[in-house]
Amino acid sequence: METPSSQHLYAATVRNRLYFAQVLESLDEDQWARDSLCIGWTVRHVAAHMLQYVYVGFLRFFLVSLRYRGDTDATVDHLARRLAQMDTRLLIQNLRQHAAEHTNPPRVGPWGPFAETCIHLRDIARPLGLKADVAREDWSHLFNYLVSPDAAPALVLPERSAGLAFECTDTDDHYGNGPLIRGPAEAICMALTGRDSALADLTGPGVEVLRQRQ
């Protein structure tokens, strides 16, 4: 599949953000408080994190990171918890209102926001038992990016896919040589980005290898 342009990624990101807001609007308060696949985060924390690009510029992120000695994960967690204090309706409203804003973060570029709309939607949908998902084409693009040498380490650790072969059963995408992992592109992308629960949807001798790398 041809590598999507930045404009294609921006358009897909906007579409997915609007859909994310639609899914959030359908949830009750109990569902907002449920655990997501992001360790330590509820659905509300994930929703709040999706607005980080709106409220947190580079300078603020840098200043907060100083409190955590440059620990990016700790900084992101702090910001998500602060933003999660926002009223539910305002979170949804802001996600819609700012959906069309183009973001091009350092090190990840337009792939970062695009990947977040795919992965984080399923981070909340999977534990809630929802079928909510992005387009199959989006998973195809994301899979090919995550296994490529150009993938940003901030999105996927290169050693996760090293020496493994992948076959997406719903998009006909494939990559690599070695112990094979087969399954839907969504499950493969979720597993590659550290979501252990997605391994149950995959088959092949490479699954156990990937499990040991999580």
Protein backbone atom coordinates (compact mmCIF):
# COMPACT_ATOMS: atom_id res chain seq x y z
CA MET A 1 0.00 0.00 0.00
CA GLU A 2 1.21 3.49 -0.87
CA THR A 3 2.45 5.56 2.07
CA PRO A 4 -0.20 8.15 2.92
CA SER A 5 0.65 11.84 2.59
CA SER A 6 0.62 14.20 5.54
CA GLN A 7 -2.64 15.66 4.25
CA HIS A 8 -4.20 12.20 4.18
CA LEU A 9 -3.09 11.61 7.78
CA TYR A 10 -4.45 14.99 8.87
CA ALA A 11 -7.83 14.25 7.27
CA ALA A 12 -8.01 10.80 8.88
CA THR A 13 -7.04 12.27 12.25
CA VAL A 14 -9.85 14.82 12.07
CA ARG A 15 -12.38 12.15 11.11
CA ASN A 16 -11.24 9.88 13.93
CA ARG A 17 -11.29 12.64 16.54
CA LEU A 18 -14.89 13.44 15.66
CA TYR A 19 -15.80 9.77 15.88
CA PHE A 20 -13.97 9.51 19.21
CA ALA A 21 -16.15 12.35 20.53
CA GLN A 22 -19.26 10.54 19.27
CA VAL A 23 -18.27 7.37 21.11
CA LEU A 24 -17.53 9.28 24.31
CA GLU A 25 -20.92 10.97 24.10
CA SER A 26 -22.60 7.54 24.09
CA LEU A 27 -21.00 6.48 27.40
CA ASP A 28 -22.53 6.72 30.85
CA GLU A 29 -20.61 7.89 33.92
CA ASP A 30 -19.84 4.33 35.02
CA GLN A 31 -18.19 3.65 31.66
CA TRP A 32 -16.17 6.86 31.93
CA ALA A 33 -14.78 5.56 35.21
CA ARG A 34 -13.84 2.12 33.87
CA ASP A 35 -10.21 1.12 33.38
CA SER A 36 -8.79 1.51 29.87
CA LEU A 37 -5.97 -0.50 28.34
CA CYS A 38 -3.59 2.31 29.29
CA ILE A 39 -2.22 1.15 32.63
CA GLY A 40 -3.40 3.41 35.45
CA TRP A 41 -5.80 5.36 33.24
CA THR A 42 -9.57 5.26 33.15
CA VAL A 43 -11.60 6.06 30.06
CA ARG A 44 -11.78 9.65 31.34
CA HIS A 45 -7.98 9.91 31.50
CA VAL A 46 -7.67 8.68 27.92
CA ALA A 47 -10.28 11.18 26.76
CA ALA A 48 -8.45 13.97 28.57
CA HIS A 49 -5.13 12.94 27.04
CA MET A 50 -6.68 13.31 23.60
CA LEU A 51 -6.92 17.05 24.35
CA GLN A 52 -3.31 17.52 25.42
CA TYR A 53 -2.43 19.10 22.08
CA VAL A 54 -5.11 21.76 22.68
CA TYR A 55 -4.11 22.86 26.17
CA VAL A 56 -0.42 22.01 26.45
CA GLY A 57 2.14 23.76 24.29
CA PHE A 58 5.82 22.92 24.13
CA LEU A 59 6.79 25.39 26.86
CA ARG A 60 4.24 24.10 29.36
CA PHE A 61 5.16 20.50 28.61
CA PHE A 62 8.83 21.32 29.12
CA LEU A 63 8.22 23.09 32.42
CA VAL A 64 6.08 20.24 33.76
CA SER A 65 8.68 17.71 32.62
CA LEU A 66 11.27 19.44 34.80
CA ARG A 67 9.24 18.38 37.83
CA TYR A 68 9.66 14.78 36.69
CA ARG A 69 13.34 15.06 35.69
CA GLY A 70 12.52 14.72 32.00
CA ASP A 71 10.39 11.59 32.40
CA THR A 72 8.01 11.90 29.44
CA ASP A 73 5.60 9.20 30.62
CA ALA A 74 5.28 10.81 34.05
CA THR A 75 4.75 14.22 32.47
CA VAL A 76 2.01 12.93 30.15
CA ASP A 77 0.35 11.17 33.08
CA HIS A 78 0.38 14.36 35.16
CA LEU A 79 -1.16 16.39 32.35
CA ALA A 80 -3.84 13.79 31.62
CA ARG A 81 -4.90 13.74 35.26
CA ARG A 82 -5.13 17.52 35.35
CA LEU A 83 -7.18 17.67 32.15
CA ALA A 84 -9.39 14.81 33.38
CA GLN A 85 -10.81 17.17 36.00
CA MET A 86 -12.67 18.92 33.21
CA ASP A 87 -16.43 18.45 32.99
CA THR A 88 -17.45 15.49 30.81
CA ARG A 89 -19.51 17.58 28.42
CA LEU A 90 -16.67 20.06 28.05
CA LEU A 91 -14.20 17.29 27.22
CA ILE A 92 -16.46 16.10 24.41
CA GLN A 93 -17.19 19.63 23.22
CA ASN A 94 -13.50 20.52 23.05
CA LEU A 95 -12.58 17.33 21.22
CA ARG A 96 -15.12 18.25 18.56
CA GLN A 97 -14.26 21.93 18.48
CA HIS A 98 -10.53 21.33 18.03
CA ALA A 99 -10.72 18.20 15.89
CA ALA A 100 -9.56 19.98 12.74
CA GLU A 101 -6.41 21.46 14.26
CA HIS A 102 -3.30 20.11 12.57
CA THR A 103 -0.59 18.99 14.94
CA ASN A 104 2.94 18.01 14.00
CA PRO A 105 4.72 16.97 17.22
CA PRO A 106 8.51 16.64 17.32
CA ARG A 107 9.88 13.16 16.58
CA VAL A 108 6.52 11.67 15.55
CA GLY A 109 5.09 14.22 13.11
CA PRO A 110 1.53 13.72 11.82
CA TRP A 111 1.82 9.99 12.48
CA GLY A 112 1.66 10.62 16.23
CA PRO A 113 -1.80 12.22 16.41
CA PHE A 114 -3.12 9.79 13.78
CA ALA A 115 -1.85 6.77 15.70
CA GLU A 116 -3.36 8.09 18.92
CA THR A 117 -6.83 8.32 17.38
CA CYS A 118 -6.60 4.68 16.32
CA ILE A 119 -4.94 3.15 19.37
CA HIS A 120 -6.66 5.18 22.09
CA LEU A 121 -10.12 4.59 20.64
CA ARG A 122 -9.55 0.87 21.05
CA ASP A 123 -7.93 1.47 24.45
CA ILE A 124 -11.39 2.43 25.66
CA ALA A 125 -13.54 0.32 23.32
CA ARG A 126 -11.93 -3.04 24.03
CA PRO A 127 -12.41 -3.10 27.83
CA LEU A 128 -15.93 -1.70 27.43
CA GLY A 129 -16.82 -4.41 24.93
CA LEU A 130 -17.63 -1.86 22.21
CA LYS A 131 -17.25 -2.47 18.50
CA ALA A 132 -16.26 1.17 17.94
CA ASP A 133 -13.31 1.24 15.57
CA VAL A 134 -11.57 3.32 12.92
CA ALA A 135 -11.55 2.43 9.24
CA ARG A 136 -9.74 -0.73 8.16
CA GLU A 137 -7.62 1.41 5.85
CA ASP A 138 -6.37 3.33 8.88
CA TRP A 139 -5.15 0.13 10.52
CA SER A 140 -3.46 -0.87 7.28
CA HIS A 141 -1.56 2.42 7.12
CA LEU A 142 -0.67 2.25 10.80
CA PHE A 143 0.54 -1.34 10.59
CA ASN A 144 2.86 -0.55 7.68
CA TYR A 145 4.23 2.44 9.57
CA LEU A 146 4.79 0.60 12.86
CA VAL A 147 6.84 -2.17 11.23
CA SER A 148 8.83 0.22 9.06
CA PRO A 149 12.33 1.49 9.91
CA ASP A 150 10.86 5.00 9.96
CA ALA A 151 8.57 4.29 12.92
CA ALA A 152 9.19 6.65 15.84
CA PRO A 153 10.41 4.88 19.00
CA ALA A 154 7.94 7.05 20.93
CA LEU A 155 5.15 5.09 19.22
CA VAL A 156 6.65 1.61 19.00
CA LEU A 157 9.87 0.05 20.23
CA PRO A 158 11.85 -1.23 17.20
CA GLU A 159 12.81 -4.45 18.99
CA ARG A 160 9.17 -5.51 19.27
CA SER A 161 8.90 -6.48 15.60
CA ALA A 162 12.55 -7.43 14.98
CA GLY A 163 12.95 -10.92 13.53
CA LEU A 164 9.21 -11.56 13.30
CA ALA A 165 6.85 -11.98 10.37
CA PHE A 166 3.35 -10.48 10.35
CA GLU A 167 0.29 -11.28 8.27
CA CYS A 168 -2.83 -9.14 8.57
CA THR A 169 -5.81 -11.35 7.88
CA ASP A 170 -8.21 -8.50 7.09
CA THR A 171 -6.05 -6.13 5.04
CA ASP A 172 -3.67 -8.48 3.17
CA ASP A 173 -0.68 -6.59 4.56
CA HIS A 174 2.39 -8.56 5.53
CA TYR A 175 5.92 -7.87 6.69
CA GLY A 176 9.14 -9.52 7.73
CA ASN A 177 10.71 -12.95 8.03
CA GLY A 178 10.79 -15.20 11.04
CA PRO A 179 8.19 -16.68 13.42
CA LEU A 180 4.79 -15.72 12.03
CA ILE A 181 2.07 -13.70 13.75
CA ARG A 182 -1.36 -13.68 12.09
CA GLY A 183 -4.47 -11.71 12.92
CA PRO A 184 -6.47 -8.55 12.27
CA ALA A 185 -4.39 -5.43 11.63
CA GLU A 186 -6.02 -3.76 14.63
CA ALA A 187 -4.91 -6.52 17.00
CA ILE A 188 -1.38 -6.57 15.57
CA CYS A 189 -1.04 -2.78 15.94
CA MET A 190 -2.40 -2.89 19.49
CA ALA A 191 0.04 -5.66 20.41
CA LEU A 192 2.98 -3.87 18.79
CA THR A 193 2.20 -0.79 20.89
CA GLY A 194 2.24 -2.81 24.11
CA ARG A 195 -1.38 -3.85 24.63
CA ASP A 196 -1.01 -7.38 26.01
CA SER A 197 -4.72 -8.20 25.80
CA ALA A 198 -4.60 -7.98 21.98
CA LEU A 199 -2.28 -11.00 21.86
CA ALA A 200 -5.32 -13.22 22.48
CA ASP A 201 -6.60 -12.25 19.02
CA LEU A 202 -3.40 -13.37 17.29
CA THR A 203 -2.10 -16.77 16.25
CA GLY A 204 1.20 -18.24 15.16
CA PRO A 205 4.56 -19.18 16.67
CA GLY A 206 5.64 -15.53 16.86
CA VAL A 207 2.94 -14.61 19.37
CA GLU A 208 4.85 -16.01 22.33
CA VAL A 209 7.99 -14.18 21.19
CA LEU A 210 6.08 -10.92 21.07
CA ARG A 211 4.53 -11.65 24.46
CA GLN A 212 8.00 -11.92 25.99
CA ARG A 213 8.90 -8.52 24.54
CA GLN A 214 5.93 -6.68 26.03
